[in-house]
Every structure is written in C-alpha cells, then in structure tokens.
PDB file of N, CA and C in Angstrom:
ATOM      1  N   MET A   1     -30.230  70.429 -28.312  1.00  0.00           N
ATOM      2  CA  MET A   1     -29.192  69.309 -29.074  1.00  0.00           C
ATOM      3  C   MET A   1     -27.757  69.677 -29.861  1.00  0.00           C
ATOM      4  N   ALA A   2     -26.560  69.124 -29.288  1.00  0.00           N
ATOM      5  CA  ALA A   2     -25.440  69.819 -29.809  1.00  0.00           C
ATOM      6  C   ALA A   2     -25.571  69.733 -31.205  1.00  0.00           C
ATOM      7  N   ALA A   3     -25.581  68.539 -31.827  1.00  0.00           N
ATOM      8  CA  ALA A   3     -24.763  68.068 -32.914  1.00  0.00           C
ATOM      9  C   ALA A   3     -26.110  67.442 -33.429  1.00  0.00           C
ATOM     10  N   ALA A   4     -26.570  68.296 -35.025  1.00  0.00           N
ATOM     11  CA  ALA A   4     -27.461  67.465 -35.661  1.00  0.00           C
ATOM     12  C   ALA A   4     -27.070  67.352 -37.186  1.00  0.00           C
ATOM     13  N   ILE A   5     -27.550  65.906 -37.518  1.00  0.00           N
ATOM     14  CA  ILE A   5     -27.347  65.822 -38.796  1.00  0.00           C
ATOM     15  C   ILE A   5     -28.292  66.298 -39.607  1.00  0.00           C
ATOM     16  N   SER A   6     -28.133  67.065 -40.869  1.00  0.00           N
ATOM     17  CA  SER A   6     -28.428  67.648 -41.898  1.00  0.00           C
ATOM     18  C   SER A   6     -28.266  66.640 -43.186  1.00  0.00           C
ATOM     19  N   ARG A   7     -29.162  66.804 -44.124  1.00  0.00           N
ATOM     20  CA  ARG A   7     -29.322  66.086 -45.673  1.00  0.00           C
ATOM     21  C   ARG A   7     -27.658  66.050 -46.372  1.00  0.00           C
ATOM     22  N   ASP A   8     -26.886  66.974 -46.081  1.00  0.00           N
ATOM     23  CA  ASP A   8     -25.826  67.035 -46.824  1.00  0.00           C
ATOM     24  C   ASP A   8     -24.926  66.084 -46.318  1.00  0.00           C
ATOM     25  N   ASP A   9     -25.092  65.945 -44.679  1.00  0.00           N
ATOM     26  CA  ASP A   9     -24.191  64.973 -43.903  1.00  0.00           C
ATOM     27  C   ASP A   9     -24.745  63.511 -44.602  1.00  0.00           C
ATOM     28  N   VAL A  10     -25.905  63.140 -44.661  1.00  0.00           N
ATOM     29  CA  VAL A  10     -26.554  61.933 -45.122  1.00  0.00           C
ATOM     30  C   VAL A  10     -26.166  61.766 -46.163  1.00  0.00           C
ATOM     31  N   ARG A  11     -25.853  62.459 -47.353  1.00  0.00           N
ATOM     32  CA  ARG A  11     -25.465  62.181 -48.189  1.00  0.00           C
ATOM     33  C   ARG A  11     -24.151  62.123 -48.545  1.00  0.00           C
ATOM     34  N   HIS A  12     -23.492  62.732 -48.161  1.00  0.00           N
ATOM     35  CA  HIS A  12     -22.260  62.483 -47.559  1.00  0.00           C
ATOM     36  C   HIS A  12     -21.801  61.316 -47.351  1.00  0.00           C
ATOM     37  N   ILE A  13     -22.469  60.806 -45.987  1.00  0.00           N
ATOM     38  CA  ILE A  13     -22.376  59.345 -45.441  1.00  0.00           C
ATOM     39  C   ILE A  13     -22.479  58.618 -46.594  1.00  0.00           C
ATOM     40  N   ALA A  14     -23.522  58.254 -47.405  1.00  0.00           N
ATOM     41  CA  ALA A  14     -24.149  57.634 -48.078  1.00  0.00           C
ATOM     42  C   ALA A  14     -23.056  57.531 -49.186  1.00  0.00           C
ATOM     43  N   GLY A  15     -22.505  58.059 -49.739  1.00  0.00           N
ATOM     44  CA  GLY A  15     -21.597  58.356 -50.879  1.00  0.00           C
ATOM     45  C   GLY A  15     -20.212  57.706 -50.128  1.00  0.00           C
ATOM     46  N   LEU A  16     -19.931  58.032 -48.893  1.00  0.00           N
ATOM     47  CA  LEU A  16     -18.501  57.067 -48.699  1.00  0.00           C
ATOM     48  C   LEU A  16     -19.189  55.503 -48.624  1.00  0.00           C
ATOM     49  N   ALA A  17     -20.348  55.347 -48.031  1.00  0.00           N
ATOM     50  CA  ALA A  17     -20.430  53.902 -47.998  1.00  0.00           C
ATOM     51  C   ALA A  17     -21.329  53.469 -49.341  1.00  0.00           C
ATOM     52  N   ARG A  18     -20.906  54.039 -50.469  1.00  0.00           N
ATOM     53  CA  ARG A  18     -21.725  53.720 -51.637  1.00  0.00           C
ATOM     54  C   ARG A  18     -22.805  53.167 -51.868  1.00  0.00           C
ATOM     55  N   LEU A  19     -23.857  54.243 -50.942  1.00  0.00           N
ATOM     56  CA  LEU A  19     -24.872  53.626 -50.993  1.00  0.00           C
ATOM     57  C   LEU A  19     -25.700  54.774 -51.513  1.00  0.00           C
ATOM     58  N   GLY A  20     -26.810  53.720 -52.425  1.00  0.00           N
ATOM     59  CA  GLY A  20     -27.342  55.190 -53.023  1.00  0.00           C
ATOM     60  C   GLY A  20     -29.058  55.272 -52.551  1.00  0.00           C
ATOM     61  N   VAL A  21     -29.244  56.708 -52.110  1.00  0.00           N
ATOM     62  CA  VAL A  21     -29.869  57.234 -51.421  1.00  0.00           C
ATOM     63  C   VAL A  21     -31.367  57.963 -52.292  1.00  0.00           C
ATOM     64  N   PRO A  22     -32.540  57.743 -52.449  1.00  0.00           N
ATOM     65  CA  PRO A  22     -33.346  58.323 -53.211  1.00  0.00           C
ATOM     66  C   PRO A  22     -33.517  59.730 -52.169  1.00  0.00           C
ATOM     67  N   ASP A  23     -33.903  61.092 -52.970  1.00  0.00           N
ATOM     68  CA  ASP A  23     -34.116  61.968 -52.847  1.00  0.00           C
ATOM     69  C   ASP A  23     -35.279  62.190 -51.659  1.00  0.00           C
ATOM     70  N   ASP A  24     -35.971  61.406 -51.788  1.00  0.00           N
ATOM     71  CA  ASP A  24     -37.099  61.116 -50.491  1.00  0.00           C
ATOM     72  C   ASP A  24     -36.856  60.651 -49.595  1.00  0.00           C
ATOM     73  N   LYS A  25     -35.991  60.163 -49.172  1.00  0.00           N
ATOM     74  CA  LYS A  25     -35.507  59.288 -48.251  1.00  0.00           C
ATOM     75  C   LYS A  25     -34.809  60.107 -47.186  1.00  0.00           C
ATOM     76  N   LEU A  26     -34.660  60.879 -47.739  1.00  0.00           N
ATOM     77  CA  LEU A  26     -33.406  62.045 -47.054  1.00  0.00           C
ATOM     78  C   LEU A  26     -33.940  62.005 -45.489  1.00  0.00           C
ATOM     79  N   ASP A  27     -35.476  62.946 -45.899  1.00  0.00           N
ATOM     80  CA  ASP A  27     -35.767  63.781 -44.306  1.00  0.00           C
ATOM     81  C   ASP A  27     -35.643  62.798 -43.524  1.00  0.00           C
ATOM     82  N   THR A  28     -36.444  61.772 -44.131  1.00  0.00           N
ATOM     83  CA  THR A  28     -36.914  60.320 -42.888  1.00  0.00           C
ATOM     84  C   THR A  28     -35.149  60.221 -42.192  1.00  0.00           C
ATOM     85  N   LEU A  29     -34.308  59.663 -43.403  1.00  0.00           N
ATOM     86  CA  LEU A  29     -33.056  59.475 -42.505  1.00  0.00           C
ATOM     87  C   LEU A  29     -32.745  60.447 -41.409  1.00  0.00           C
ATOM     88  N   VAL A  30     -32.471  61.846 -41.741  1.00  0.00           N
ATOM     89  CA  VAL A  30     -31.946  62.999 -41.356  1.00  0.00           C
ATOM     90  C   VAL A  30     -33.014  62.675 -40.275  1.00  0.00           C
ATOM     91  N   SER A  31     -34.119  62.539 -39.343  1.00  0.00           N
ATOM     92  CA  SER A  31     -34.707  62.467 -38.879  1.00  0.00           C
ATOM     93  C   SER A  31     -34.117  61.273 -37.566  1.00  0.00           C
ATOM     94  N   GLU A  32     -34.494  60.237 -38.369  1.00  0.00           N
ATOM     95  CA  GLU A  32     -34.089  59.110 -37.483  1.00  0.00           C
ATOM     96  C   GLU A  32     -32.760  59.298 -36.544  1.00  0.00           C
ATOM     97  N   LEU A  33     -31.633  59.764 -37.913  1.00  0.00           N
ATOM     98  CA  LEU A  33     -30.236  59.729 -37.071  1.00  0.00           C
ATOM     99  C   LEU A  33     -30.295  61.188 -36.091  1.00  0.00           C
ATOM    100  N   ASN A  34     -31.201  61.783 -36.125  1.00  0.00           N
ATOM    101  CA  ASN A  34     -31.002  63.014 -35.188  1.00  0.00           C
ATOM    102  C   ASN A  34     -31.708  62.283 -33.762  1.00  0.00           C
ATOM    103  N   GLY A  35     -32.584  61.375 -34.123  1.00  0.00           N
ATOM    104  CA  GLY A  35     -33.406  60.826 -32.736  1.00  0.00           C
ATOM    105  C   GLY A  35     -32.376  60.013 -31.982  1.00  0.00           C
ATOM    106  N   ILE A  36     -31.617  59.272 -32.835  1.00  0.00           N
ATOM    107  CA  ILE A  36     -30.310  58.634 -32.448  1.00  0.00           C
ATOM    108  C   ILE A  36     -29.215  59.565 -31.537  1.00  0.00           C
ATOM    109  N   LEU A  37     -28.719  60.377 -32.345  1.00  0.00           N
ATOM    110  CA  LEU A  37     -28.109  61.088 -31.382  1.00  0.00           C
ATOM    111  C   LEU A  37     -28.714  62.010 -30.193  1.00  0.00           C
ATOM    112  N   ALA A  38     -30.300  62.432 -30.389  1.00  0.00           N
ATOM    113  CA  ALA A  38     -30.838  62.861 -29.118  1.00  0.00           C
ATOM    114  C   ALA A  38     -30.993  61.933 -28.362  1.00  0.00           C
ATOM    115  N   HIS A  39     -30.872  60.397 -28.206  1.00  0.00           N
ATOM    116  CA  HIS A  39     -31.141  59.245 -27.057  1.00  0.00           C
ATOM    117  C   HIS A  39     -29.595  59.597 -27.094  1.00  0.00           C
ATOM    118  N   MET A  40     -29.034  59.506 -27.358  1.00  0.00           N
ATOM    119  CA  MET A  40     -27.322  59.303 -27.169  1.00  0.00           C
ATOM    120  C   MET A  40     -27.025  60.158 -25.891  1.00  0.00           C
ATOM    121  N   GLU A  41     -27.572  61.667 -25.982  1.00  0.00           N
ATOM    122  CA  GLU A  41     -27.727  62.541 -25.400  1.00  0.00           C
ATOM    123  C   GLU A  41     -28.112  62.688 -24.095  1.00  0.00           C
ATOM    124  N   VAL A  42     -29.094  62.187 -23.798  1.00  0.00           N
ATOM    125  CA  VAL A  42     -29.756  61.816 -22.746  1.00  0.00           C
ATOM    126  C   VAL A  42     -28.846  60.714 -21.931  1.00  0.00           C
ATOM    127  N   LEU A  43     -28.211  59.508 -22.576  1.00  0.00           N
ATOM    128  CA  LEU A  43     -27.544  58.581 -22.033  1.00  0.00           C
ATOM    129  C   LEU A  43     -26.465  59.042 -21.390  1.00  0.00           C
ATOM    130  N   GLN A  44     -26.230  60.009 -22.049  1.00  0.00           N
ATOM    131  CA  GLN A  44     -24.412  60.951 -21.448  1.00  0.00           C
ATOM    132  C   GLN A  44     -24.645  60.977 -20.075  1.00  0.00           C
ATOM    133  N   LYS A  45     -26.015  62.015 -19.928  1.00  0.00           N
ATOM    134  CA  LYS A  45     -26.398  62.365 -18.782  1.00  0.00           C
ATOM    135  C   LYS A  45     -26.161  61.429 -17.766  1.00  0.00           C
ATOM    136  N   VAL A  46     -26.381  60.267 -17.838  1.00  0.00           N
ATOM    137  CA  VAL A  46     -26.697  59.091 -16.826  1.00  0.00           C
ATOM    138  C   VAL A  46     -25.861  59.340 -15.661  1.00  0.00           C
ATOM    139  N   GLN A  47     -25.627  59.063 -14.563  1.00  0.00           N
ATOM    140  CA  GLN A  47     -24.921  58.996 -13.844  1.00  0.00           C
ATOM    141  C   GLN A  47     -24.294  57.720 -13.163  1.00  0.00           C
ATOM    142  N   SER A  48     -23.154  56.884 -13.875  1.00  0.00           N
ATOM    143  CA  SER A  48     -22.980  55.666 -14.090  1.00  0.00           C
ATOM    144  C   SER A  48     -21.619  55.570 -13.652  1.00  0.00           C
ATOM    145  N   ALA A  49     -21.585  56.303 -12.336  1.00  0.00           N
ATOM    146  CA  ALA A  49     -19.910  56.194 -11.975  1.00  0.00           C
ATOM    147  C   ALA A  49     -20.296  54.688 -11.152  1.00  0.00           C
ATOM    148  N   GLY A  50     -19.078  54.205 -10.973  1.00  0.00           N
ATOM    149  CA  GLY A  50     -19.146  53.078  -9.848  1.00  0.00           C
ATOM    150  C   GLY A  50     -20.548  51.570 -10.480  1.00  0.00           C
ATOM    151  N   ALA A  51     -21.219  51.879 -11.277  1.00  0.00           N
ATOM    152  CA  ALA A  51     -21.827  51.234 -11.732  1.00  0.00           C
ATOM    153  C   ALA A  51     -21.135  49.398 -12.209  1.00  0.00           C
ATOM    154  N   ALA A  52     -20.125  49.147 -13.044  1.00  0.00           N
ATOM    155  CA  ALA A  52     -18.953  48.674 -13.751  1.00  0.00           C
ATOM    156  C   ALA A  52     -18.773  47.581 -12.156  1.00  0.00           C
ATOM    157  N   ALA A  53     -18.179  48.310 -11.367  1.00  0.00           N
ATOM    158  CA  ALA A  53     -17.872  47.538 -10.405  1.00  0.00           C
ATOM    159  C   ALA A  53     -18.841  46.413  -9.309  1.00  0.00           C
ATOM    160  N   GLU A  54     -20.163  47.583  -9.577  1.00  0.00           N
ATOM    161  CA  GLU A  54     -21.498  46.721  -8.660  1.00  0.00           C
ATOM    162  C   GLU A  54     -21.546  45.356  -9.304  1.00  0.00           C
ATOM    163  N   ALA A  55     -21.862  45.763 -10.944  1.00  0.00           N
ATOM    164  CA  ALA A  55     -22.598  44.333 -11.770  1.00  0.00           C
ATOM    165  C   ALA A  55     -21.379  43.483 -11.836  1.00  0.00           C
ATOM    166  N   ASP A  56     -19.851  43.941 -11.613  1.00  0.00           N
ATOM    167  CA  ASP A  56     -18.849  42.659 -11.649  1.00  0.00           C
ATOM    168  C   ASP A  56     -18.719  41.802 -10.564  1.00  0.00           C
ATOM    169  N   ALA A  57     -19.422  42.560  -9.059  1.00  0.00           N
ATOM    170  CA  ALA A  57     -19.519  41.786  -8.025  1.00  0.00           C
ATOM    171  C   ALA A  57     -20.672  40.930  -7.671  1.00  0.00           C
ATOM    172  N   LEU A  58     -21.819  41.432  -8.772  1.00  0.00           N
ATOM    173  CA  LEU A  58     -22.773  40.438  -8.600  1.00  0.00           C
ATOM    174  C   LEU A  58     -22.281  39.561  -9.788  1.00  0.00           C
ATOM    175  N   ARG A  59     -21.554  39.432 -10.438  1.00  0.00           N
ATOM    176  CA  ARG A  59     -21.098  38.233 -11.414  1.00  0.00           C
ATOM    177  C   ARG A  59     -20.794  36.871 -10.882  1.00  0.00           C
ATOM    178  N   THR A  60     -21.560  35.979 -11.263  1.00  0.00           N
ATOM    179  CA  THR A  60     -21.093  34.828 -10.203  1.00  0.00           C
ATOM    180  C   THR A  60     -20.405  33.839 -11.364  1.00  0.00           C
ATOM    181  N   GLY A  61     -20.719  34.221 -12.323  1.00  0.00           N
ATOM    182  CA  GLY A  61     -19.798  33.257 -13.373  1.00  0.00           C
ATOM    183  C   GLY A  61     -20.620  32.212 -13.729  1.00  0.00           C
ATOM    184  N   MET A  62     -20.073  31.108 -15.107  1.00  0.00           N
ATOM    185  CA  MET A  62     -21.085  30.016 -15.532  1.00  0.00           C
ATOM    186  C   MET A  62     -21.264  29.296 -14.239  1.00  0.00           C
ATOM    187  N   PRO A  63     -22.252  28.684 -14.229  1.00  0.00           N
ATOM    188  CA  PRO A  63     -22.597  26.957 -13.562  1.00  0.00           C
ATOM    189  C   PRO A  63     -21.817  25.931 -14.308  1.00  0.00           C
ATOM    190  N   LEU A  64     -20.895  25.251 -13.531  1.00  0.00           N
ATOM    191  CA  LEU A  64     -19.815  24.238 -13.811  1.00  0.00           C
ATOM    192  C   LEU A  64     -20.997  22.584 -13.949  1.00  0.00           C
ATOM    193  N   ARG A  65     -20.806  21.993 -14.940  1.00  0.00           N
ATOM    194  CA  ARG A  65     -21.296  20.847 -14.833  1.00  0.00           C
ATOM    195  C   ARG A  65     -20.555  19.603 -14.153  1.00  0.00           C
ATOM    196  N   LEU A  66     -20.673  18.611 -13.924  1.00  0.00           N
ATOM    197  CA  LEU A  66     -20.045  17.466 -13.638  1.00  0.00           C
ATOM    198  C   LEU A  66     -19.432  17.186 -14.467  1.00  0.00           C
ATOM    199  N   ASP A  67     -18.123  16.569 -14.047  1.00  0.00           N
ATOM    200  CA  ASP A  67     -17.153  15.479 -15.118  1.00  0.00           C
ATOM    201  C   ASP A  67     -17.619  14.271 -15.182  1.00  0.00           C
ATOM    202  N   GLU A  68     -18.519  13.866 -16.049  1.00  0.00           N
ATOM    203  CA  GLU A  68     -18.815  12.286 -15.692  1.00  0.00           C
ATOM    204  C   GLU A  68     -18.069  11.858 -17.052  1.00  0.00           C
ATOM    205  N   GLY A  69     -17.196  11.934 -17.846  1.00  0.00           N
ATOM    206  CA  GLY A  69     -16.463  11.207 -18.713  1.00  0.00           C
ATOM    207  C   GLY A  69     -16.716  11.609 -20.039  1.00  0.00           C
ATOM    208  N   PRO A  70     -16.630  11.100 -21.107  1.00  0.00           N
ATOM    209  CA  PRO A  70     -17.094  11.137 -22.540  1.00  0.00           C
ATOM    210  C   PRO A  70     -18.612  10.477 -22.825  1.00  0.00           C
ATOM    211  N   SER A  71     -19.025  11.273 -23.173  1.00  0.00           N
ATOM    212  CA  SER A  71     -20.755  11.048 -23.613  1.00  0.00           C
ATOM    213  C   SER A  71     -20.766   9.988 -24.912  1.00  0.00           C
ATOM    214  N   VAL A  72     -19.385   9.635 -25.699  1.00  0.00           N
ATOM    215  CA  VAL A  72     -19.512   8.770 -26.695  1.00  0.00           C
ATOM    216  C   VAL A  72     -18.143   8.254 -26.148  1.00  0.00           C
ATOM    217  N   LYS A  73     -17.914   6.778 -26.736  1.00  0.00           N
ATOM    218  CA  LYS A  73     -17.376   5.761 -26.584  1.00  0.00           C
ATOM    219  C   LYS A  73     -15.971   6.107 -27.259  1.00  0.00           C
ATOM    220  N   LEU A  74     -14.687   5.884 -26.862  1.00  0.00           N
ATOM    221  CA  LEU A  74     -13.925   6.025 -27.514  1.00  0.00           C
ATOM    222  C   LEU A  74     -13.369   4.773 -28.406  1.00  0.00           C
ATOM    223  N   VAL A  75     -12.672   5.416 -29.480  1.00  0.00           N
ATOM    224  CA  VAL A  75     -11.975   4.061 -30.398  1.00  0.00           C
ATOM    225  C   VAL A  75     -11.116   3.367 -29.875  1.00  0.00           C
ATOM    226  N   ARG A  76     -10.302   3.832 -29.025  1.00  0.00           N
ATOM    227  CA  ARG A  76      -9.519   3.443 -28.009  1.00  0.00           C
ATOM    228  C   ARG A  76      -9.170   3.924 -26.710  1.00  0.00           C
ATOM    229  N   PRO A  77      -9.002   2.936 -25.837  1.00  0.00           N
ATOM    230  CA  PRO A  77      -9.225   3.730 -24.648  1.00  0.00           C
ATOM    231  C   PRO A  77      -7.928   4.559 -24.192  1.00  0.00           C
ATOM    232  N   ILE A  78      -8.146   5.259 -23.678  1.00  0.00           N
ATOM    233  CA  ILE A  78      -7.159   6.573 -22.901  1.00  0.00           C
ATOM    234  C   ILE A  78      -5.456   5.684 -23.013  1.00  0.00           C
ATOM    235  N   SER A  79      -5.490   4.434 -21.879  1.00  0.00           N
ATOM    236  CA  SER A  79      -4.542   4.120 -21.540  1.00  0.00           C
ATOM    237  C   SER A  79      -3.800   3.638 -23.191  1.00  0.00           C
ATOM    238  N   ALA A  80      -4.040   3.378 -23.868  1.00  0.00           N
ATOM    239  CA  ALA A  80      -3.369   3.064 -25.305  1.00  0.00           C
ATOM    240  C   ALA A  80      -2.645   4.259 -25.796  1.00  0.00           C
ATOM    241  N   ILE A  81      -3.323   5.460 -25.354  1.00  0.00           N
ATOM    242  CA  ILE A  81      -2.718   6.684 -25.987  1.00  0.00           C
ATOM    243  C   ILE A  81      -1.797   7.456 -25.202  1.00  0.00           C
ATOM    244  N   ALA A  82      -2.632   7.573 -23.701  1.00  0.00           N
ATOM    245  CA  ALA A  82      -1.195   8.235 -22.938  1.00  0.00           C
ATOM    246  C   ALA A  82      -1.249   7.751 -21.825  1.00  0.00           C
ATOM    247  N   PRO A  83      -0.578   7.664 -21.001  1.00  0.00           N
ATOM    248  CA  PRO A  83      -0.289   6.936 -19.880  1.00  0.00           C
ATOM    249  C   PRO A  83      -0.981   7.462 -18.730  1.00  0.00           C
ATOM    250  N   ALA A  84      -1.632   6.437 -17.564  1.00  0.00           N
ATOM    251  CA  ALA A  84      -2.479   6.739 -16.736  1.00  0.00           C
ATOM    252  C   ALA A  84      -1.797   7.831 -16.205  1.00  0.00           C
ATOM    253  N   THR A  85      -2.411   8.379 -15.765  1.00  0.00           N
ATOM    254  CA  THR A  85      -1.303   9.147 -14.652  1.00  0.00           C
ATOM    255  C   THR A  85      -2.259   9.988 -13.125  1.00  0.00           C
ATOM    256  N   ARG A  86      -2.282   9.759 -12.252  1.00  0.00           N
ATOM    257  CA  ARG A  86      -2.994  10.458 -10.964  1.00  0.00           C
ATOM    258  C   ARG A  86      -2.757  11.061 -10.058  1.00  0.00           C
ATOM    259  N   SER A  87      -3.092  12.094  -9.212  1.00  0.00           N
ATOM    260  CA  SER A  87      -2.998  13.139  -8.491  1.00  0.00           C
ATOM    261  C   SER A  87      -2.653  12.252  -7.582  1.00  0.00           C
ATOM    262  N   PRO A  88      -1.983  12.813  -6.045  1.00  0.00           N
ATOM    263  CA  PRO A  88      -1.576  11.662  -5.039  1.00  0.00           C
ATOM    264  C   PRO A  88      -2.735  11.539  -4.051  1.00  0.00           C
ATOM    265  N   ASP A  89      -3.934  12.026  -4.695  1.00  0.00           N
ATOM    266  CA  ASP A  89      -5.607  11.554  -3.823  1.00  0.00           C
ATOM    267  C   ASP A  89      -6.066  10.701  -4.769  1.00  0.00           C
ATOM    268  N   GLY A  90      -5.337  10.101  -5.720  1.00  0.00           N
ATOM    269  CA  GLY A  90      -5.944   9.186  -6.535  1.00  0.00           C
ATOM    270  C   GLY A  90      -6.822   8.939  -7.453  1.00  0.00           C
ATOM    271  N   ALA A  91      -6.863  10.319  -7.337  1.00  0.00           N
ATOM    272  CA  ALA A  91      -7.937  10.914  -8.729  1.00  0.00           C
ATOM    273  C   ALA A  91      -7.123  10.914  -9.776  1.00  0.00           C
ATOM    274  N   PRO A  92      -8.083  10.692 -10.877  1.00  0.00           N
ATOM    275  CA  PRO A  92      -7.493  10.478 -12.577  1.00  0.00           C
ATOM    276  C   PRO A  92      -6.793  12.034 -12.769  1.00  0.00           C
ATOM    277  N   MET A  93      -5.757  12.451 -13.585  1.00  0.00           N
ATOM    278  CA  MET A  93      -5.165  13.786 -14.162  1.00  0.00           C
ATOM    279  C   MET A  93      -4.741  13.271 -15.322  1.00  0.00           C
ATOM    280  N   PRO A  94      -4.996  14.369 -16.149  1.00  0.00           N
ATOM    281  CA  PRO A  94      -4.871  14.254 -17.731  1.00  0.00           C
ATOM    282  C   PRO A  94      -3.182  14.033 -17.781  1.00  0.00           C
ATOM    283  N   ALA A  95      -2.904  13.159 -19.062  1.00  0.00           N
ATOM    284  CA  ALA A  95      -1.488  13.185 -18.720  1.00  0.00           C
ATOM    285  C   ALA A  95      -0.698  13.987 -19.678  1.00  0.00           C
ATOM    286  N   VAL A  96       0.447  14.669 -18.920  1.00  0.00           N
ATOM    287  CA  VAL A  96       1.008  16.043 -19.527  1.00  0.00           C
ATOM    288  C   VAL A  96       2.445  15.800 -19.823  1.00  0.00           C
ATOM    289  N   ILE A  97       2.987  15.916 -20.922  1.00  0.00           N
ATOM    290  CA  ILE A  97       4.129  15.532 -21.769  1.00  0.00           C
ATOM    291  C   ILE A  97       4.753  16.895 -22.096  1.00  0.00           C
ATOM    292  N   ASP A  98       5.830  17.100 -21.501  1.00  0.00           N
ATOM    293  CA  ASP A  98       6.516  18.410 -21.892  1.00  0.00           C
ATOM    294  C   ASP A  98       5.878  19.923 -21.398  1.00  0.00           C
ATOM    295  N   GLY A  99       5.146  19.843 -20.721  1.00  0.00           N
ATOM    296  CA  GLY A  99       3.741  20.984 -20.129  1.00  0.00           C
ATOM    297  C   GLY A  99       2.642  20.944 -21.159  1.00  0.00           C
ATOM    298  N   PHE A 100       2.894  19.909 -22.125  1.00  0.00           N
ATOM    299  CA  PHE A 100       1.472  19.711 -23.106  1.00  0.00           C
ATOM    300  C   PHE A 100       0.518  18.842 -22.293  1.00  0.00           C
ATOM    301  N   PHE A 101      -0.892  19.479 -22.238  1.00  0.00           N
ATOM    302  CA  PHE A 101      -1.782  18.100 -22.095  1.00  0.00           C
ATOM    303  C   PHE A 101      -1.939  16.899 -23.683  1.00  0.00           C
ATOM    304  N   LEU A 102      -1.850  15.682 -23.180  1.00  0.00           N
ATOM    305  CA  LEU A 102      -1.929  14.818 -24.201  1.00  0.00           C
ATOM    306  C   LEU A 102      -3.707  14.652 -24.353  1.00  0.00           C
ATOM    307  N   VAL A 103      -4.049  14.269 -25.632  1.00  0.00           N
ATOM    308  CA  VAL A 103      -5.011  14.691 -25.928  1.00  0.00           C
ATOM    309  C   VAL A 103      -5.652  13.108 -27.089  1.00  0.00           C
ATOM    310  N   PRO A 104      -6.073  12.718 -26.834  1.00  0.00           N
ATOM    311  CA  PRO A 104      -6.230  11.177 -28.367  1.00  0.00           C
ATOM    312  C   PRO A 104      -7.161  12.198 -29.593  1.00  0.00           C
ATOM    313  N   ARG A 105      -5.894  11.350 -30.411  1.00  0.00           N
ATOM    314  CA  ARG A 105      -6.095  11.558 -31.840  1.00  0.00           C
ATOM    315  C   ARG A 105      -7.460  11.315 -32.252  1.00  0.00           C
ATOM    316  N   LEU A 106      -7.896  12.439 -32.654  1.00  0.00           N
ATOM    317  CA  LEU A 106      -9.752  12.477 -33.267  1.00  0.00           C
ATOM    318  C   LEU A 106      -9.417  10.985 -34.324  1.00  0.00           C
ATOM    319  N   ALA A 107     -10.690  10.150 -34.488  1.00  0.00           N
ATOM    320  CA  ALA A 107     -10.613   9.696 -35.563  1.00  0.00           C
ATOM    321  C   ALA A 107     -10.777   9.702 -37.071  1.00  0.00           C
ATOM    322  N   THR A 108     -11.190  11.179 -36.968  1.00  0.00           N
ATOM    323  CA  THR A 108     -11.199  11.721 -38.365  1.00  0.00           C
ATOM    324  C   THR A 108      -9.841  11.950 -39.032  1.00  0.00           C
ATOM    325  N   HIS A 109      -8.749  11.496 -38.430  1.00  0.00           N
ATOM    326  CA  HIS A 109      -7.056  11.830 -38.503  1.00  0.00           C
ATOM    327  C   HIS A 109      -6.601  10.810 -38.918  1.00  0.00           C
ATOM    328  N   GLU A 110      -7.178   9.425 -38.368  1.00  0.00           N
ATOM    329  CA  GLU A 110      -6.361   8.018 -38.472  1.00  0.00           C
ATOM    330  C   GLU A 110      -5.908   8.185 -39.579  1.00  0.00           C
ATOM    331  N   ASP A 111      -6.298   8.332 -40.875  1.00  0.00           N
ATOM    332  CA  ASP A 111      -5.815   7.999 -42.130  1.00  0.00           C
ATOM    333  C   ASP A 111      -4.618   8.841 -42.622  1.00  0.00           C
ATOM    334  N   ALA A 112      -4.431   9.805 -41.830  1.00  0.00           N
ATOM    335  CA  ALA A 112      -3.117  10.813 -41.981  1.00  0.00           C
ATOM    336  C   ALA A 112      -2.271  10.338 -41.719  1.00  0.00           C
ATOM    337  N   GLY A 113      -2.072   9.237 -40.975  1.00  0.00           N
ATOM    338  CA  GLY A 113      -0.370   8.111 -40.885  1.00  0.00           C
ATOM    339  C   GLY A 113       0.118   9.905 -39.919  1.00  0.00           C
ATOM    340  N   ASP A 114       1.507   9.724 -40.599  1.00  0.00           N
ATOM    341  CA  ASP A 114       2.499  10.543 -39.891  1.00  0.00           C
ATOM    342  C   ASP A 114       2.631  12.189 -40.544  1.00  0.00           C
ATOM    343  N   GLU A 115       1.861  11.802 -41.308  1.00  0.00           N
ATOM    344  CA  GLU A 115       1.859  13.769 -42.285  1.00  0.00           C
ATOM    345  C   GLU A 115       1.699  14.769 -41.372  1.00  0.00           C
ATOM    346  N   SER A 116       0.594  14.634 -39.902  1.00  0.00           N
ATOM    347  CA  SER A 116       0.360  16.038 -39.450  1.00  0.00           C
ATOM    348  C   SER A 116       1.192  15.744 -38.308  1.00  0.00           C
TER     349      SER A 116
END
C-alpha cells in the first residue's frame, strides 16, 4: 500500500471540514479510508486502454418518440401567433424570425402585457 491514512490525517481532515470526530471513531475511519485507498490501487492496475472508444461505439443514443403534436390543447392556434411555414415537401416547419424559433407565449404570462 503506497499511501496510508493515519489517525492524525483523519483528525486534520475532520478539522478542515469542521467535523467533530470522537476518538473512539478514529480507528474505524482510518481502516475504512485505508480500505478505499486499497481499492483505488487495485482499480489503477486494470488495463483500460481503448475501453472508452469501445463504449462509445456501442452507444446508439436515446430512442426518439414520434412527434404527434401537442398533448395539451393550446389556448390559441399557432397560426394566430406565428405564420405557418412549410418545407418544400409540404411538411410543417417551425416558424423562424431572425434566426430564432417562434414559440407560443405561455398562458401564465398572458397578464404580463408588454412588460416582458
């Protein structure tokens, strides 16, 4: 074991964290922290070169749901808020003004008027 935690180390760390550690708990904390360090030494010996690349190759991403429209009826139709736009093949597209998507105003902000 390369690094070992002593009772003084535990007292010092507890003081930095402003924790009161009773003397009867010091030996338990020393053995637990040394056990953690021993596990870390074992993990450092594991050959993991290329493991991240393999894991990324297997990752397919989140499955996407079908876009079926709003599940909650809107207070006003979208056409009252934003001009209807369609792609060349006729599919609906979000309205864009100056590079920003146009979204309907939240019903909770209707009373705000021009303040927002």
